[in-house]
Each structure stands twice: as C-alpha cells, then as structure tokens.
Amino acid sequence: MALGTLIIKEKLGTSDRETIEQIRENPYLQYFIGLNCYQQEPPLESSMLVHFRKRIDGELINKINKKIVKREIDKSDKEVKKKDCLQEKGEKIKNKGKLILDATCAPADIKYPTDLGILNQARIETERIIDGTDSSE
C-alpha cells in the first residue's frame, strides 16, 4: 500500500493531501494500492506519506525494480524454451483464433441490434408462441 501510494503521488505530481483525496475518490487507485473493494473513507492519513518516504528510499526501489525485471526475464525465458521444446519435438504450435488487423473490418455474419432480420425473426417466433403451433411443423 505504501509503495503504491508513493507511485500514485509521483505519477500525478500532487501533494500528500491531494494524493489521499484522489485515492479516496477513485476505485481504480484504491485497487492499485491493494484494497479489495471501494471505500468512501480515506485508506490512510496524508501524514503517513512522510513515514513511507523515510522507509522506502532509492535503494529499496532499485531492489524492487531488479526483482521485477528478473522475474519478467525468467518468465519470458521459460516461454521461449517451451516453444523451442515444442518445435524440437516436431509438434506444431496450434493457432488459437483468427486475427483481424484492420480495425474497420468486422465479420459479416454478426447480427447487429439494428438488423431488421432479428426483428422479423422475433415477430415470427412470437406469432408461433401465440398460435400455439410447434416449430417442427
């Protein structure tokens, strides 16, 4: 919570009091500092940021950064090794879907709420239900 609050303060460039007020008003910031649900009360007092800055110095931040970078490098190395193992065994990596690169394109088989065909289909089904007829006829 302490580190998250200091990160928010530095990113927003606000005072201690304004940072706490921003966290109090914004559920996303509350989630970022580790709260499970939104709360109306401030999660801590602005005077606590002074104590946080004393405890979390540049050396600690550097250690945290090194651990994060090391974890990400190890994670990417594992993924690369896994892909290499699959290729060595002769197994083909399966595609998991279809990629559409042009954001202006969309599949044509999607029915949109403004489609009159949907309205007509609903009308036919409603008439069938009212008449009490079976759809298999």
N, C-alpha and C. Protein backbone atom coordinates (compact mmCIF):
# COMPACT_ATOMS: atom_id res chain seq x y z
N MET A 1 0.83 -1.18 0.00
CA MET A 1 0.00 0.00 0.00
C MET A 1 0.88 1.25 0.00
N ALA A 2 1.97 1.19 0.77
CA ALA A 2 2.85 2.35 0.87
C ALA A 2 3.50 2.66 -0.47
N LEU A 3 4.05 1.64 -1.11
CA LEU A 3 4.71 1.85 -2.39
C LEU A 3 3.72 2.32 -3.45
N GLY A 4 2.55 1.71 -3.48
CA GLY A 4 1.52 2.11 -4.44
C GLY A 4 1.11 3.56 -4.25
N THR A 5 0.97 3.98 -3.02
CA THR A 5 0.58 5.36 -2.73
C THR A 5 1.67 6.33 -3.19
N LEU A 6 2.92 5.99 -2.95
CA LEU A 6 4.01 6.85 -3.39
C LEU A 6 4.11 6.89 -4.92
N ILE A 7 3.85 5.78 -5.58
CA ILE A 7 3.87 5.75 -7.04
C ILE A 7 2.77 6.67 -7.58
N ILE A 8 1.58 6.58 -7.00
CA ILE A 8 0.47 7.43 -7.43
C ILE A 8 0.83 8.91 -7.23
N LYS A 9 1.41 9.22 -6.08
CA LYS A 9 1.78 10.60 -5.79
C LYS A 9 2.77 11.14 -6.82
N GLU A 10 3.77 10.34 -7.17
CA GLU A 10 4.78 10.78 -8.14
C GLU A 10 4.20 10.90 -9.55
N LYS A 11 3.35 9.95 -9.93
CA LYS A 11 2.77 9.98 -11.28
C LYS A 11 1.82 11.16 -11.46
N LEU A 12 1.02 11.44 -10.42
CA LEU A 12 0.06 12.55 -10.51
C LEU A 12 0.72 13.90 -10.24
N GLY A 13 1.84 13.89 -9.52
CA GLY A 13 2.52 15.14 -9.19
C GLY A 13 1.72 16.00 -8.23
N THR A 14 1.06 15.35 -7.29
CA THR A 14 0.20 16.08 -6.34
C THR A 14 0.83 16.11 -4.95
N SER A 15 0.22 16.91 -4.09
CA SER A 15 0.67 16.96 -2.70
C SER A 15 0.19 15.72 -1.96
N ASP A 16 0.65 15.54 -0.73
CA ASP A 16 0.25 14.38 0.05
C ASP A 16 -1.27 14.36 0.27
N ARG A 17 -1.82 15.49 0.66
CA ARG A 17 -3.27 15.56 0.92
C ARG A 17 -4.08 15.30 -0.35
N GLU A 18 -3.64 15.91 -1.46
CA GLU A 18 -4.36 15.73 -2.72
C GLU A 18 -4.26 14.28 -3.20
N THR A 19 -3.13 13.64 -2.96
CA THR A 19 -2.97 12.22 -3.33
C THR A 19 -3.96 11.36 -2.58
N ILE A 20 -4.08 11.57 -1.28
CA ILE A 20 -5.02 10.79 -0.47
C ILE A 20 -6.45 11.06 -0.93
N GLU A 21 -6.75 12.29 -1.28
CA GLU A 21 -8.10 12.63 -1.76
C GLU A 21 -8.37 11.95 -3.10
N GLN A 22 -7.39 11.92 -3.98
CA GLN A 22 -7.55 11.23 -5.27
C GLN A 22 -7.80 9.74 -5.06
N ILE A 23 -7.05 9.13 -4.14
CA ILE A 23 -7.23 7.70 -3.85
C ILE A 23 -8.61 7.46 -3.26
N ARG A 24 -9.08 8.36 -2.40
CA ARG A 24 -10.39 8.20 -1.78
C ARG A 24 -11.50 8.25 -2.83
N GLU A 25 -11.34 9.08 -3.85
CA GLU A 25 -12.39 9.27 -4.86
C GLU A 25 -12.36 8.23 -5.97
N ASN A 26 -11.23 7.58 -6.21
CA ASN A 26 -11.05 6.75 -7.39
C ASN A 26 -10.92 5.26 -7.02
N PRO A 27 -11.89 4.43 -7.41
CA PRO A 27 -11.80 3.00 -7.07
C PRO A 27 -10.62 2.30 -7.76
N TYR A 28 -10.21 2.79 -8.93
CA TYR A 28 -9.07 2.18 -9.61
C TYR A 28 -7.78 2.39 -8.82
N LEU A 29 -7.62 3.58 -8.26
CA LEU A 29 -6.43 3.84 -7.45
C LEU A 29 -6.47 3.03 -6.16
N GLN A 30 -7.67 2.85 -5.59
CA GLN A 30 -7.80 2.04 -4.39
C GLN A 30 -7.41 0.59 -4.69
N TYR A 31 -7.81 0.10 -5.83
CA TYR A 31 -7.44 -1.27 -6.22
C TYR A 31 -5.92 -1.35 -6.44
N PHE A 32 -5.34 -0.31 -7.02
CA PHE A 32 -3.90 -0.30 -7.28
C PHE A 32 -3.09 -0.41 -5.99
N ILE A 33 -3.56 0.22 -4.92
CA ILE A 33 -2.79 0.16 -3.67
C ILE A 33 -3.12 -1.08 -2.85
N GLY A 34 -4.03 -1.92 -3.33
CA GLY A 34 -4.25 -3.20 -2.67
C GLY A 34 -5.57 -3.36 -1.94
N LEU A 35 -6.47 -2.40 -2.05
CA LEU A 35 -7.77 -2.56 -1.39
C LEU A 35 -8.66 -3.48 -2.22
N ASN A 36 -9.45 -4.31 -1.55
CA ASN A 36 -10.30 -5.28 -2.26
C ASN A 36 -11.58 -4.68 -2.79
N CYS A 37 -12.09 -3.65 -2.13
CA CYS A 37 -13.33 -3.04 -2.59
C CYS A 37 -13.27 -1.53 -2.34
N TYR A 38 -14.17 -0.82 -2.98
CA TYR A 38 -14.20 0.64 -2.86
C TYR A 38 -14.65 1.02 -1.46
N GLN A 39 -14.00 2.01 -0.90
CA GLN A 39 -14.42 2.55 0.39
C GLN A 39 -14.43 4.07 0.32
N GLN A 40 -15.40 4.65 0.96
CA GLN A 40 -15.58 6.11 0.92
C GLN A 40 -14.55 6.82 1.80
N GLU A 41 -14.12 6.18 2.89
CA GLU A 41 -13.16 6.81 3.80
C GLU A 41 -11.75 6.74 3.21
N PRO A 42 -10.91 7.72 3.53
CA PRO A 42 -9.52 7.65 3.07
C PRO A 42 -8.83 6.42 3.65
N PRO A 43 -8.04 5.69 2.86
CA PRO A 43 -7.41 4.48 3.36
C PRO A 43 -6.30 4.75 4.38
N LEU A 44 -5.74 5.95 4.35
CA LEU A 44 -4.72 6.34 5.31
C LEU A 44 -4.67 7.85 5.40
N GLU A 45 -3.94 8.36 6.37
CA GLU A 45 -3.83 9.81 6.53
C GLU A 45 -2.64 10.33 5.73
N SER A 46 -2.74 11.57 5.32
CA SER A 46 -1.69 12.14 4.47
C SER A 46 -0.34 12.21 5.20
N SER A 47 -0.35 12.29 6.52
CA SER A 47 0.91 12.35 7.26
C SER A 47 1.69 11.04 7.15
N MET A 48 1.01 9.94 6.80
CA MET A 48 1.69 8.65 6.66
C MET A 48 2.65 8.65 5.47
N LEU A 49 2.40 9.48 4.47
CA LEU A 49 3.28 9.52 3.31
C LEU A 49 4.70 9.96 3.68
N VAL A 50 4.81 10.80 4.71
CA VAL A 50 6.13 11.22 5.18
C VAL A 50 6.88 9.99 5.70
N HIS A 51 6.20 9.16 6.49
CA HIS A 51 6.82 7.94 7.02
C HIS A 51 7.16 6.97 5.90
N PHE A 52 6.29 6.87 4.90
CA PHE A 52 6.56 5.98 3.77
C PHE A 52 7.82 6.42 3.03
N ARG A 53 7.97 7.73 2.81
CA ARG A 53 9.15 8.22 2.09
C ARG A 53 10.43 7.95 2.88
N LYS A 54 10.35 8.00 4.21
CA LYS A 54 11.53 7.71 5.02
C LYS A 54 11.90 6.22 4.93
N ARG A 55 10.90 5.36 4.92
CA ARG A 55 11.15 3.91 4.89
C ARG A 55 11.51 3.40 3.51
N ILE A 56 10.90 3.96 2.48
CA ILE A 56 11.14 3.49 1.12
C ILE A 56 12.08 4.48 0.43
N ASP A 57 13.36 4.15 0.47
CA ASP A 57 14.35 5.04 -0.15
C ASP A 57 14.71 4.53 -1.54
N GLY A 58 15.62 5.22 -2.19
CA GLY A 58 16.02 4.87 -3.56
C GLY A 58 16.62 3.48 -3.66
N GLU A 59 17.35 3.06 -2.65
CA GLU A 59 17.97 1.73 -2.67
C GLU A 59 16.91 0.63 -2.68
N LEU A 60 15.88 0.79 -1.89
CA LEU A 60 14.79 -0.20 -1.86
C LEU A 60 14.04 -0.23 -3.19
N ILE A 61 13.81 0.93 -3.78
CA ILE A 61 13.15 1.00 -5.08
C ILE A 61 13.98 0.27 -6.14
N ASN A 62 15.30 0.46 -6.11
CA ASN A 62 16.17 -0.23 -7.06
C ASN A 62 16.11 -1.74 -6.87
N LYS A 63 16.07 -2.22 -5.63
CA LYS A 63 15.96 -3.66 -5.37
C LYS A 63 14.64 -4.21 -5.93
N ILE A 64 13.57 -3.47 -5.71
CA ILE A 64 12.25 -3.89 -6.20
C ILE A 64 12.26 -3.94 -7.72
N ASN A 65 12.82 -2.92 -8.36
CA ASN A 65 12.90 -2.89 -9.83
C ASN A 65 13.70 -4.08 -10.36
N LYS A 66 14.83 -4.38 -9.72
CA LYS A 66 15.65 -5.51 -10.16
C LYS A 66 14.89 -6.83 -10.05
N LYS A 67 14.15 -7.01 -8.97
CA LYS A 67 13.38 -8.25 -8.80
C LYS A 67 12.28 -8.36 -9.85
N ILE A 68 11.62 -7.26 -10.14
CA ILE A 68 10.55 -7.27 -11.15
C ILE A 68 11.13 -7.61 -12.52
N VAL A 69 12.24 -6.97 -12.87
CA VAL A 69 12.87 -7.22 -14.17
C VAL A 69 13.35 -8.67 -14.26
N LYS A 70 13.97 -9.17 -13.19
CA LYS A 70 14.46 -10.56 -13.18
C LYS A 70 13.31 -11.54 -13.36
N ARG A 71 12.20 -11.30 -12.67
CA ARG A 71 11.03 -12.18 -12.78
C ARG A 71 10.48 -12.18 -14.21
N GLU A 72 10.40 -11.02 -14.83
CA GLU A 72 9.89 -10.95 -16.19
C GLU A 72 10.84 -11.61 -17.19
N ILE A 73 12.14 -11.45 -16.98
CA ILE A 73 13.11 -12.10 -17.87
C ILE A 73 13.01 -13.61 -17.74
N ASP A 74 12.92 -14.11 -16.50
CA ASP A 74 12.78 -15.55 -16.28
C ASP A 74 11.50 -16.07 -16.91
N LYS A 75 10.44 -15.31 -16.79
CA LYS A 75 9.15 -15.71 -17.35
C LYS A 75 9.23 -15.80 -18.88
N SER A 76 9.84 -14.80 -19.50
CA SER A 76 9.95 -14.82 -20.97
C SER A 76 10.89 -15.92 -21.42
N ASP A 77 11.96 -16.20 -20.66
CA ASP A 77 12.88 -17.30 -20.99
C ASP A 77 12.16 -18.64 -20.96
N LYS A 78 11.30 -18.84 -19.98
CA LYS A 78 10.54 -20.09 -19.88
C LYS A 78 9.62 -20.26 -21.08
N GLU A 79 8.98 -19.18 -21.50
CA GLU A 79 8.08 -19.25 -22.66
C GLU A 79 8.86 -19.57 -23.93
N VAL A 80 10.03 -18.98 -24.10
CA VAL A 80 10.86 -19.24 -25.28
C VAL A 80 11.33 -20.68 -25.27
N LYS A 81 11.77 -21.17 -24.11
CA LYS A 81 12.22 -22.57 -24.00
C LYS A 81 11.09 -23.53 -24.30
N LYS A 82 9.89 -23.22 -23.84
CA LYS A 82 8.74 -24.08 -24.09
C LYS A 82 8.45 -24.16 -25.59
N LYS A 83 8.49 -23.03 -26.28
CA LYS A 83 8.26 -23.02 -27.72
C LYS A 83 9.35 -23.78 -28.45
N ASP A 84 10.61 -23.63 -28.00
CA ASP A 84 11.72 -24.34 -28.63
C ASP A 84 11.56 -25.85 -28.44
N CYS A 85 11.13 -26.28 -27.25
CA CYS A 85 10.92 -27.71 -26.99
C CYS A 85 9.83 -28.26 -27.90
N LEU A 86 8.76 -27.53 -28.07
CA LEU A 86 7.67 -27.99 -28.94
C LEU A 86 8.16 -28.11 -30.38
N GLN A 87 8.97 -27.17 -30.82
CA GLN A 87 9.47 -27.22 -32.20
C GLN A 87 10.48 -28.35 -32.38
N GLU A 88 11.29 -28.63 -31.35
CA GLU A 88 12.25 -29.73 -31.44
C GLU A 88 11.54 -31.08 -31.50
N LYS A 89 10.45 -31.22 -30.78
CA LYS A 89 9.71 -32.47 -30.78
C LYS A 89 8.92 -32.65 -32.07
N GLY A 90 8.87 -31.62 -32.87
CA GLY A 90 8.13 -31.71 -34.12
C GLY A 90 6.66 -31.38 -33.96
N GLU A 91 6.28 -30.97 -32.78
CA GLU A 91 4.88 -30.60 -32.56
C GLU A 91 4.65 -29.21 -33.12
N LYS A 92 3.55 -29.08 -33.77
CA LYS A 92 3.22 -27.79 -34.34
C LYS A 92 2.43 -26.97 -33.32
N ILE A 93 2.75 -25.71 -33.21
CA ILE A 93 2.03 -24.82 -32.31
C ILE A 93 0.71 -24.47 -32.97
N LYS A 94 -0.38 -24.75 -32.26
CA LYS A 94 -1.71 -24.53 -32.84
C LYS A 94 -2.12 -23.06 -32.72
N ASN A 95 -2.81 -22.61 -33.75
CA ASN A 95 -3.39 -21.27 -33.70
C ASN A 95 -4.58 -21.29 -32.76
N LYS A 96 -4.79 -20.19 -32.09
CA LYS A 96 -5.89 -20.13 -31.12
C LYS A 96 -6.98 -19.16 -31.55
N GLY A 97 -7.08 -18.86 -32.81
CA GLY A 97 -8.13 -17.96 -33.25
C GLY A 97 -7.77 -17.29 -34.55
N LYS A 98 -8.52 -16.26 -34.85
CA LYS A 98 -8.35 -15.53 -36.10
C LYS A 98 -8.02 -14.09 -35.76
N LEU A 99 -7.00 -13.55 -36.35
CA LEU A 99 -6.57 -12.19 -36.08
C LEU A 99 -7.03 -11.27 -37.21
N ILE A 100 -7.77 -10.24 -36.84
CA ILE A 100 -8.20 -9.23 -37.80
C ILE A 100 -7.39 -7.99 -37.51
N LEU A 101 -6.52 -7.61 -38.44
CA LEU A 101 -5.62 -6.48 -38.21
C LEU A 101 -6.26 -5.14 -38.51
N ASP A 102 -7.20 -5.11 -39.42
CA ASP A 102 -7.84 -3.86 -39.79
C ASP A 102 -9.01 -3.61 -38.85
N ALA A 103 -8.94 -2.56 -38.04
CA ALA A 103 -9.97 -2.29 -37.04
C ALA A 103 -11.28 -1.85 -37.68
N THR A 104 -11.26 -1.47 -38.94
CA THR A 104 -12.51 -1.05 -39.59
C THR A 104 -13.27 -2.24 -40.15
N CYS A 105 -12.64 -3.41 -40.17
CA CYS A 105 -13.30 -4.62 -40.69
C CYS A 105 -13.96 -5.37 -39.55
N ALA A 106 -15.05 -6.00 -39.87
CA ALA A 106 -15.74 -6.85 -38.90
C ALA A 106 -16.34 -8.01 -39.67
N PRO A 107 -16.45 -9.17 -39.04
CA PRO A 107 -17.09 -10.29 -39.73
C PRO A 107 -18.51 -9.94 -40.15
N ALA A 108 -18.90 -10.38 -41.35
CA ALA A 108 -20.20 -10.01 -41.89
C ALA A 108 -21.33 -10.84 -41.31
N ASP A 109 -21.02 -11.95 -40.65
CA ASP A 109 -22.08 -12.82 -40.16
C ASP A 109 -22.59 -12.43 -38.77
N ILE A 110 -22.16 -11.30 -38.26
CA ILE A 110 -22.64 -10.84 -36.95
C ILE A 110 -23.91 -10.04 -37.17
N LYS A 111 -24.94 -10.39 -36.40
CA LYS A 111 -26.19 -9.63 -36.49
C LYS A 111 -26.14 -8.50 -35.47
N TYR A 112 -26.49 -7.33 -35.91
CA TYR A 112 -26.48 -6.17 -35.06
C TYR A 112 -27.90 -5.87 -34.57
N PRO A 113 -28.04 -5.20 -33.42
CA PRO A 113 -29.38 -4.89 -32.89
C PRO A 113 -30.25 -4.09 -33.86
N THR A 114 -29.66 -3.41 -34.81
CA THR A 114 -30.44 -2.63 -35.76
C THR A 114 -30.85 -3.46 -36.98
N ASP A 115 -30.46 -4.72 -37.02
CA ASP A 115 -30.75 -5.59 -38.16
C ASP A 115 -32.25 -5.93 -38.16
N LEU A 116 -32.92 -5.67 -39.29
CA LEU A 116 -34.35 -5.94 -39.39
C LEU A 116 -34.64 -7.44 -39.40
N GLY A 117 -33.67 -8.24 -39.79
CA GLY A 117 -33.85 -9.69 -39.78
C GLY A 117 -34.10 -10.22 -38.38
N ILE A 118 -33.44 -9.64 -37.39
CA ILE A 118 -33.66 -10.04 -36.00
C ILE A 118 -35.09 -9.71 -35.58
N LEU A 119 -35.56 -8.52 -35.94
CA LEU A 119 -36.92 -8.11 -35.62
C LEU A 119 -37.93 -9.04 -36.27
N ASN A 120 -37.72 -9.40 -37.52
CA ASN A 120 -38.64 -10.29 -38.22
C ASN A 120 -38.64 -11.68 -37.59
N GLN A 121 -37.45 -12.17 -37.22
CA GLN A 121 -37.36 -13.48 -36.57
C GLN A 121 -38.11 -13.46 -35.23
N ALA A 122 -38.00 -12.38 -34.48
CA ALA A 122 -38.71 -12.27 -33.21
C ALA A 122 -40.22 -12.23 -33.45
N ARG A 123 -40.66 -11.54 -34.51
CA ARG A 123 -42.08 -11.49 -34.84
C ARG A 123 -42.61 -12.88 -35.17
N ILE A 124 -41.85 -13.63 -35.97
CA ILE A 124 -42.29 -14.97 -36.36
C ILE A 124 -42.37 -15.88 -35.13
N GLU A 125 -41.38 -15.83 -34.27
CA GLU A 125 -41.39 -16.66 -33.07
C GLU A 125 -42.53 -16.28 -32.13
N THR A 126 -42.79 -14.99 -32.01
CA THR A 126 -43.89 -14.53 -31.15
C THR A 126 -45.23 -15.01 -31.69
N GLU A 127 -45.43 -14.93 -32.99
CA GLU A 127 -46.67 -15.42 -33.59
C GLU A 127 -46.82 -16.92 -33.38
N ARG A 128 -45.70 -17.65 -33.48
CA ARG A 128 -45.74 -19.09 -33.26
C ARG A 128 -46.15 -19.42 -31.82
N ILE A 129 -45.62 -18.67 -30.89
CA ILE A 129 -45.97 -18.91 -29.48
C ILE A 129 -47.42 -18.58 -29.23
N ILE A 130 -47.91 -17.46 -29.78
CA ILE A 130 -49.30 -17.06 -29.59
C ILE A 130 -50.26 -18.07 -30.22
N ASP A 131 -49.94 -18.53 -31.43
CA ASP A 131 -50.79 -19.51 -32.11
C ASP A 131 -50.71 -20.88 -31.47
N GLY A 132 -49.65 -21.13 -30.70
CA GLY A 132 -49.51 -22.42 -30.06
C GLY A 132 -49.09 -23.52 -31.00
N THR A 133 -48.46 -23.17 -32.09
CA THR A 133 -48.02 -24.18 -33.05
C THR A 133 -46.61 -24.62 -32.74
N ASP A 134 -46.28 -25.82 -33.17
CA ASP A 134 -44.95 -26.38 -32.96
C ASP A 134 -44.05 -25.94 -34.11
N SER A 135 -42.78 -25.61 -33.83
CA SER A 135 -41.87 -25.14 -34.87
C SER A 135 -41.45 -26.25 -35.82
N SER A 136 -41.68 -27.52 -35.44
CA SER A 136 -41.25 -28.64 -36.29
C SER A 136 -42.24 -28.90 -37.42
N GLU A 137 -43.37 -28.25 -37.42
CA GLU A 137 -44.38 -28.48 -38.46
C GLU A 137 -44.03 -27.86 -39.76
